[in-house]
N, C-alpha and C. Protein backbone atom coordinates (compact mmCIF):
# COMPACT_ATOMS: atom_id res chain seq x y z
N UNK A 1 16.45 2.61 10.47
CA UNK A 1 15.76 2.95 10.90
C UNK A 1 14.65 1.28 11.73
N UNK A 2 14.33 2.01 12.93
CA UNK A 2 13.28 0.52 13.52
C UNK A 2 12.30 -0.12 13.07
N UNK A 3 11.91 -1.38 12.66
CA UNK A 3 10.79 -0.97 12.14
C UNK A 3 9.29 -0.25 13.02
N UNK A 4 8.31 -0.43 12.39
CA UNK A 4 6.44 0.06 12.90
C UNK A 4 5.80 -0.62 12.80
N UNK A 5 4.93 -0.86 13.51
CA UNK A 5 3.67 -1.38 13.67
C UNK A 5 3.17 -1.46 12.17
N UNK A 6 2.60 -2.27 11.48
CA UNK A 6 2.11 -2.29 10.16
C UNK A 6 0.54 -2.98 10.60
N UNK A 7 -0.43 -2.23 10.44
CA UNK A 7 -1.57 -2.56 10.50
C UNK A 7 -2.58 -2.92 8.84
N UNK A 8 -3.84 -3.52 9.20
CA UNK A 8 -4.14 -3.69 7.55
C UNK A 8 -5.10 -4.76 8.24
N UNK A 9 -6.93 -4.69 7.97
CA UNK A 9 -7.69 -4.62 7.70
C UNK A 9 -8.60 -4.89 6.55
N UNK A 10 -9.24 -6.41 6.90
CA UNK A 10 -10.36 -6.07 5.37
C UNK A 10 -11.38 -5.77 5.41
N UNK A 11 -11.91 -5.02 4.01
CA UNK A 11 -12.62 -3.93 3.56
C UNK A 11 -14.08 -4.24 4.23
N UNK A 12 -14.46 -5.38 4.30
CA UNK A 12 -15.64 -5.85 5.57
C UNK A 12 -15.68 -5.41 7.32
N UNK A 13 -14.21 -5.21 7.12
CA UNK A 13 -13.89 -4.73 8.96
C UNK A 13 -14.65 -3.86 9.60
N UNK A 14 -14.90 -3.87 10.87
CA UNK A 14 -16.02 -2.51 11.28
C UNK A 14 -15.36 -2.16 12.90
N UNK A 15 -14.65 -3.07 12.74
CA UNK A 15 -14.25 -3.05 15.08
C UNK A 15 -13.05 -3.47 14.41
N UNK A 16 -12.32 -2.08 15.95
CA UNK A 16 -10.48 -2.81 15.88
C UNK A 16 -10.96 -4.07 16.05
N UNK A 17 -11.40 -4.66 16.12
CA UNK A 17 -10.62 -6.48 16.54
C UNK A 17 -10.52 -6.85 14.97
N UNK A 18 -11.03 -6.23 13.98
CA UNK A 18 -10.15 -7.02 12.74
C UNK A 18 -9.01 -6.61 12.00
N UNK A 19 -8.69 -5.13 12.79
CA UNK A 19 -7.22 -5.03 12.22
C UNK A 19 -6.12 -6.22 12.47
N UNK A 20 -5.55 -6.84 11.63
CA UNK A 20 -4.16 -7.56 11.46
C UNK A 20 -3.11 -6.40 12.39
N UNK A 21 -2.59 -6.88 13.35
CA UNK A 21 -1.13 -5.98 14.16
C UNK A 21 0.21 -6.67 13.00
N UNK A 22 1.24 -5.92 12.29
CA UNK A 22 2.49 -7.07 12.08
C UNK A 22 4.04 -5.82 12.80
N UNK A 23 3.89 -6.66 14.02
CA UNK A 23 5.10 -5.54 14.86
C UNK A 23 6.48 -5.94 13.83
N UNK A 24 7.36 -4.55 13.82
CA UNK A 24 8.33 -4.33 13.89
C UNK A 24 8.64 -4.33 12.06
N UNK A 25 7.11 -4.09 11.50
CA UNK A 25 7.78 -4.23 10.23
C UNK A 25 8.75 -3.02 8.79
N UNK A 26 9.14 -2.83 8.19
CA UNK A 26 9.42 -1.47 7.14
C UNK A 26 8.70 -1.55 6.22
N UNK A 27 8.22 0.10 5.92
CA UNK A 27 7.49 0.51 5.26
C UNK A 27 8.80 1.64 4.11
N UNK A 28 7.68 1.66 3.06
CA UNK A 28 8.68 2.41 2.09
C UNK A 28 7.56 3.20 1.95
N UNK A 29 7.19 4.41 1.41
CA UNK A 29 6.43 4.98 1.00
C UNK A 29 7.22 5.96 -0.72
N UNK A 30 6.33 5.37 -1.81
CA UNK A 30 6.38 6.58 -3.43
C UNK A 30 5.02 6.79 -4.17
N UNK A 31 5.44 8.48 -3.46
CA UNK A 31 3.76 8.54 -4.15
C UNK A 31 4.37 8.94 -5.26
N UNK A 32 3.21 9.13 -6.91
CA UNK A 32 3.47 9.70 -8.09
C UNK A 32 2.16 10.32 -8.16
N UNK A 33 2.53 11.62 -9.36
CA UNK A 33 1.13 12.17 -8.70
C UNK A 33 1.47 12.09 -10.82
N UNK A 34 -0.42 12.31 -11.51
CA UNK A 34 -0.23 12.03 -12.84
C UNK A 34 -0.04 13.66 -14.07
N UNK A 35 0.33 12.95 -14.91
CA UNK A 35 0.67 14.30 -15.82
C UNK A 35 0.08 14.35 -17.44
N UNK A 36 -0.58 14.72 -17.81
CA UNK A 36 -0.14 15.15 -18.92
C UNK A 36 1.21 15.65 -19.73
N UNK A 37 1.73 15.50 -21.20
CA UNK A 37 2.29 16.23 -21.55
C UNK A 37 2.20 16.84 -23.10
N UNK A 38 1.61 17.75 -23.83
CA UNK A 38 1.11 18.41 -24.52
C UNK A 38 2.40 19.30 -25.14
N UNK A 39 3.15 18.44 -26.36
CA UNK A 39 3.99 18.41 -27.28
C UNK A 39 3.67 18.89 -28.64
N UNK A 40 3.94 20.22 -29.14
CA UNK A 40 3.29 21.15 -29.95
C UNK A 40 4.33 21.70 -30.83
N UNK A 41 4.06 20.55 -31.93
CA UNK A 41 5.40 21.28 -32.98
C UNK A 41 5.39 22.60 -33.45
N UNK A 42 6.68 22.82 -33.60
CA UNK A 42 6.47 24.61 -33.98
C UNK A 42 7.03 25.55 -34.05
N UNK A 43 6.94 24.93 -31.99
CA UNK A 43 6.76 26.54 -31.46
C UNK A 43 7.34 26.15 -30.42
N UNK A 44 7.26 27.26 -29.22
CA UNK A 44 8.40 27.18 -28.37
C UNK A 44 7.94 26.07 -27.16
N UNK A 45 8.80 25.58 -26.28
CA UNK A 45 8.66 24.19 -25.78
C UNK A 45 7.56 23.51 -25.38
N UNK A 46 6.55 22.79 -24.47
CA UNK A 46 5.67 22.38 -24.10
C UNK A 46 4.89 21.90 -23.63
N UNK A 47 3.59 22.16 -23.37
CA UNK A 47 2.58 22.28 -21.76
C UNK A 47 3.06 20.82 -21.04
N UNK A 48 3.01 21.43 -19.87
CA UNK A 48 2.60 20.12 -18.65
C UNK A 48 1.39 20.10 -18.06
N UNK A 49 0.50 19.20 -17.46
CA UNK A 49 -0.44 19.93 -16.99
C UNK A 49 -1.06 18.88 -15.98
N UNK A 50 -0.96 18.87 -14.68
CA UNK A 50 -0.83 18.20 -13.50
C UNK A 50 -2.81 18.09 -13.71
N UNK A 51 -3.06 16.89 -13.72
CA UNK A 51 -3.92 15.77 -13.66
C UNK A 51 -5.03 15.97 -11.80
N UNK A 52 -4.00 16.21 -11.22
CA UNK A 52 -4.71 16.00 -10.06
C UNK A 52 -4.68 15.04 -8.97
N UNK A 53 -4.77 13.81 -9.69
CA UNK A 53 -4.47 12.81 -8.91
C UNK A 53 -3.33 12.30 -9.04
N UNK A 54 -3.37 11.14 -7.92
CA UNK A 54 -2.22 10.75 -7.56
C UNK A 54 -1.90 9.44 -6.89
N UNK A 55 -0.84 8.75 -6.67
CA UNK A 55 -0.82 7.33 -6.44
C UNK A 55 0.09 7.14 -5.86
N UNK A 56 -0.20 6.28 -4.56
CA UNK A 56 0.92 5.48 -3.32
C UNK A 56 1.06 4.54 -3.51
N UNK A 57 2.10 4.26 -3.32
CA UNK A 57 2.47 2.42 -3.34
C UNK A 57 3.94 2.75 -2.02
N UNK A 58 3.01 1.94 -0.84
CA UNK A 58 3.67 1.41 -0.09
C UNK A 58 4.03 0.12 -0.59
N UNK A 59 5.22 0.22 0.13
CA UNK A 59 5.90 -1.33 0.13
C UNK A 59 6.15 -1.18 1.83
N UNK A 60 6.03 -2.76 2.55
CA UNK A 60 5.95 -3.57 3.25
C UNK A 60 6.84 -4.53 3.85
N UNK A 61 7.65 -4.80 4.56
CA UNK A 61 8.71 -6.62 4.59
C UNK A 61 8.05 -6.50 6.37
N UNK A 62 8.84 -7.39 5.87
CA UNK A 62 8.97 -8.17 7.78
C UNK A 62 8.63 -9.92 7.46
N UNK A 63 7.98 -9.81 8.86
CA UNK A 63 8.03 -11.96 9.36
C UNK A 63 6.74 -10.87 9.28
N UNK A 64 6.06 -12.85 9.41
CA UNK A 64 4.14 -12.96 9.62
C UNK A 64 3.83 -14.67 10.08
N UNK A 65 3.29 -15.10 11.16
CA UNK A 65 3.86 -16.32 10.50
C UNK A 65 2.79 -16.83 10.03
N UNK A 66 2.28 -18.40 10.45
CA UNK A 66 1.29 -19.19 9.34
C UNK A 66 0.17 -18.25 9.38
N UNK A 67 -0.47 -18.04 10.80
CA UNK A 67 -2.19 -17.74 10.80
C UNK A 67 -2.17 -16.64 10.52
N UNK A 68 -1.35 -16.06 10.47
CA UNK A 68 -1.46 -14.02 10.14
C UNK A 68 -1.23 -14.25 8.75
N UNK A 69 -0.44 -14.92 8.04
CA UNK A 69 -0.41 -14.88 6.41
C UNK A 69 -1.98 -15.44 5.71
N UNK A 70 -2.36 -16.59 6.40
CA UNK A 70 -3.71 -17.09 5.99
C UNK A 70 -4.98 -16.08 6.34
N UNK A 71 -4.74 -15.36 7.11
CA UNK A 71 -5.41 -13.93 7.22
C UNK A 71 -5.44 -12.53 6.29
N UNK A 72 -4.50 -12.16 6.05
CA UNK A 72 -3.70 -11.73 5.27
C UNK A 72 -3.58 -11.83 3.39
N UNK A 73 -4.14 -13.50 3.34
CA UNK A 73 -4.47 -13.95 1.88
C UNK A 73 -6.29 -13.77 2.02
N UNK A 74 -6.92 -13.80 2.34
CA UNK A 74 -8.23 -13.88 2.84
C UNK A 74 -8.31 -12.17 2.75
N UNK A 75 -8.22 -11.44 2.73
CA UNK A 75 -7.99 -9.87 2.59
C UNK A 75 -7.54 -9.70 0.97
N UNK A 76 -6.96 -10.52 0.84
CA UNK A 76 -5.84 -10.33 -0.78
C UNK A 76 -7.20 -10.75 -1.74
N UNK A 77 -7.68 -11.71 -1.82
CA UNK A 77 -8.68 -12.87 -2.37
C UNK A 77 -10.43 -11.87 -2.40
N UNK A 78 -10.72 -11.25 -1.75
CA UNK A 78 -11.91 -10.35 -0.70
C UNK A 78 -12.27 -8.96 -1.34
N UNK A 79 -10.76 -8.36 -1.45
CA UNK A 79 -11.70 -7.10 -1.84
C UNK A 79 -10.41 -6.51 -1.45
N UNK A 80 -10.71 -4.59 -1.45
CA UNK A 80 -9.60 -3.44 -1.17
C UNK A 80 -10.13 -3.71 0.73
N UNK A 81 -8.98 -3.79 1.12
CA UNK A 81 -8.16 -3.78 2.88
C UNK A 81 -7.85 -2.30 2.19
N UNK A 82 -7.76 -2.08 4.40
CA UNK A 82 -7.41 -0.77 4.92
C UNK A 82 -6.15 -0.91 5.10
N UNK A 83 -5.36 -0.01 5.19
CA UNK A 83 -3.69 -0.12 6.20
C UNK A 83 -3.77 0.55 7.02
N UNK A 84 -3.45 1.21 7.73
CA UNK A 84 -3.04 2.56 8.73
C UNK A 84 -1.44 2.98 8.23
N UNK A 85 -1.91 4.17 7.22
CA UNK A 85 -0.28 5.20 7.24
C UNK A 85 0.06 5.96 8.51
N UNK A 86 1.32 5.10 8.86
CA UNK A 86 2.01 6.08 9.98
C UNK A 86 2.20 7.03 9.65
N UNK A 87 2.45 6.91 8.63
CA UNK A 87 3.08 8.38 8.19
C UNK A 87 2.46 10.18 8.17
N UNK A 88 0.86 9.31 7.64
CA UNK A 88 0.12 10.05 7.93
C UNK A 88 -0.88 10.50 8.64
N UNK A 89 -0.64 9.03 9.35
CA UNK A 89 -1.59 8.89 10.17
C UNK A 89 -3.43 9.45 9.75
N UNK A 90 -3.58 8.05 9.27
CA UNK A 90 -4.31 8.64 8.55
C UNK A 90 -4.99 6.98 7.89
N UNK A 91 -6.16 6.75 7.92
CA UNK A 91 -6.97 4.75 7.45
C UNK A 91 -6.67 5.31 5.39
N UNK A 92 -5.97 4.44 4.82
CA UNK A 92 -5.97 4.11 3.47
C UNK A 92 -6.79 2.74 3.27
N UNK A 93 -7.10 3.09 1.86
CA UNK A 93 -8.14 1.79 1.34
C UNK A 93 -7.13 1.54 0.09
N UNK A 94 -6.95 0.24 -0.16
CA UNK A 94 -5.45 -0.08 -0.58
C UNK A 94 -5.78 -1.06 -1.50
N UNK A 95 -5.04 -1.41 -2.87
CA UNK A 95 -5.20 -2.57 -2.99
C UNK A 95 -3.62 -3.65 -3.22
N UNK A 96 -3.66 -4.98 -2.90
CA UNK A 96 -2.88 -5.63 -3.57
C UNK A 96 -2.50 -6.06 -4.88
N UNK A 97 -1.32 -5.33 -4.62
CA UNK A 97 -0.47 -5.27 -5.66
C UNK A 97 0.54 -6.24 -6.21
N UNK A 98 1.13 -6.69 -5.36
CA UNK A 98 2.28 -7.79 -5.19
C UNK A 98 2.23 -8.99 -3.34
N UNK A 99 2.05 -9.99 -3.64
CA UNK A 99 2.45 -10.51 -2.26
C UNK A 99 3.27 -11.58 -1.91
N UNK A 100 4.39 -11.44 -1.44
CA UNK A 100 4.79 -12.80 -1.28
C UNK A 100 5.23 -13.90 -0.10
N UNK A 101 5.21 -14.82 0.75
CA UNK A 101 5.87 -14.92 1.67
C UNK A 101 6.49 -16.35 1.33
N UNK A 102 7.40 -16.12 2.42
CA UNK A 102 8.39 -17.33 2.30
C UNK A 102 8.33 -18.20 4.00
N UNK A 103 7.76 -19.37 3.67
CA UNK A 103 7.83 -20.19 5.04
C UNK A 103 8.87 -20.36 5.57
N UNK A 104 9.70 -20.37 4.49
CA UNK A 104 10.66 -21.38 5.29
C UNK A 104 11.77 -20.34 6.31
N UNK A 105 11.27 -18.99 6.10
CA UNK A 105 11.27 -17.89 7.66
C UNK A 105 11.06 -17.05 7.90
N UNK A 106 9.47 -17.26 7.84
CA UNK A 106 8.54 -16.46 7.63
C UNK A 106 8.61 -14.74 6.97
N UNK A 107 8.98 -14.88 6.37
CA UNK A 107 9.53 -13.24 5.78
C UNK A 107 8.09 -12.95 4.38
N UNK A 108 7.80 -11.75 4.83
CA UNK A 108 6.98 -10.72 3.81
C UNK A 108 7.19 -9.86 2.85
N UNK A 109 6.52 -9.79 1.73
CA UNK A 109 6.55 -8.03 1.22
C UNK A 109 5.18 -8.05 0.24
N UNK A 110 5.47 -7.20 0.90
CA UNK A 110 3.65 -5.99 0.62
C UNK A 110 3.90 -5.24 -0.71
N UNK A 111 2.88 -4.90 -1.95
CA UNK A 111 3.04 -3.64 -2.22
C UNK A 111 1.80 -3.51 -2.44
N UNK A 112 1.78 -2.49 -1.88
CA UNK A 112 0.10 -2.11 -1.31
C UNK A 112 -0.27 -0.68 -2.30
N UNK A 113 -1.16 -0.40 -3.01
CA UNK A 113 -1.65 0.33 -4.16
C UNK A 113 -2.68 1.43 -3.76
N UNK A 114 -2.48 3.04 -3.42
CA UNK A 114 -3.44 3.50 -2.87
C UNK A 114 -4.20 4.32 -4.09
N UNK A 115 -4.94 3.91 -4.58
CA UNK A 115 -5.27 5.24 -6.26
C UNK A 115 -6.00 6.59 -5.56
N UNK A 116 -5.80 8.06 -5.59
CA UNK A 116 -6.39 9.51 -4.97
C UNK A 116 -6.88 10.05 -6.77
N UNK A 117 -7.91 9.95 -6.84
CA UNK A 117 -8.07 9.88 -7.81
C UNK A 117 -8.53 12.25 -7.79
């Protein structure tokens, strides 16, 4: 599949000009639910309880100029940015779990985490 546009903005951003567009990025989404398992000894089976909260991990790879990298680093250091989830068409508040940048080929790798209670 061809890459897609990735959009990210700082937590303090209020206008459309605050969004950084990174074209041709590859995105992967991993969603998990929080579950609690209770094992009762001496009885049949166990109980599995869905706590109703979920986490989503967005993995994004692509190329980024040095100037764009500097804008993203500022977001990394100043709070929880927002990204646009292109799959669900919504803006999502996330935290940076991992940020890598290779200046030799301008490639980047971000792991961004959304936690829904």
